Amino acid sequence: MRRFFIVAGCLLMAPFAFAQMKTGATRNPVIQSQPITVNAEPALETARRIERDAAIKMVHEKKAIFVDVRPKEAYDSGHIKGSINIPLTDLLTRLKEIPPNRFIITYCA
């Protein structure tokens, strides 16, 4: 019976032990300790523009989705039919709500 508990304990601890194993790549502690910053607002001139008719066509073909990045109150007062509301401040944390393999067409007016 004692042997059973020892084996069970080893099996339960194995995932934790393997999670700490290092891969063949070396790690630089200086880089690892620096915070990672994500710029949620890329330069306006680098944003890809799309014409209204092309955007509508892509959405109808299920190749794209409209994402209204305004606050919920503004979205509730009026929005493009079929769009989803993800405020700009929440966009990075809510990306999983956007259907995969579609272009994201954001708007705020």
Foldseek 3Di string as FASTA:
>chain_A
DVVVVVVVVCVVCVVVVVVPDDDPDDDDVVVVPDDDDDDLDPDPVVDDDDDPVVVVVCVVVVQAAEEEQDPPVVVVVDDDPRHHYDHSVRCVVPVVVDDPNHHYHYDHD
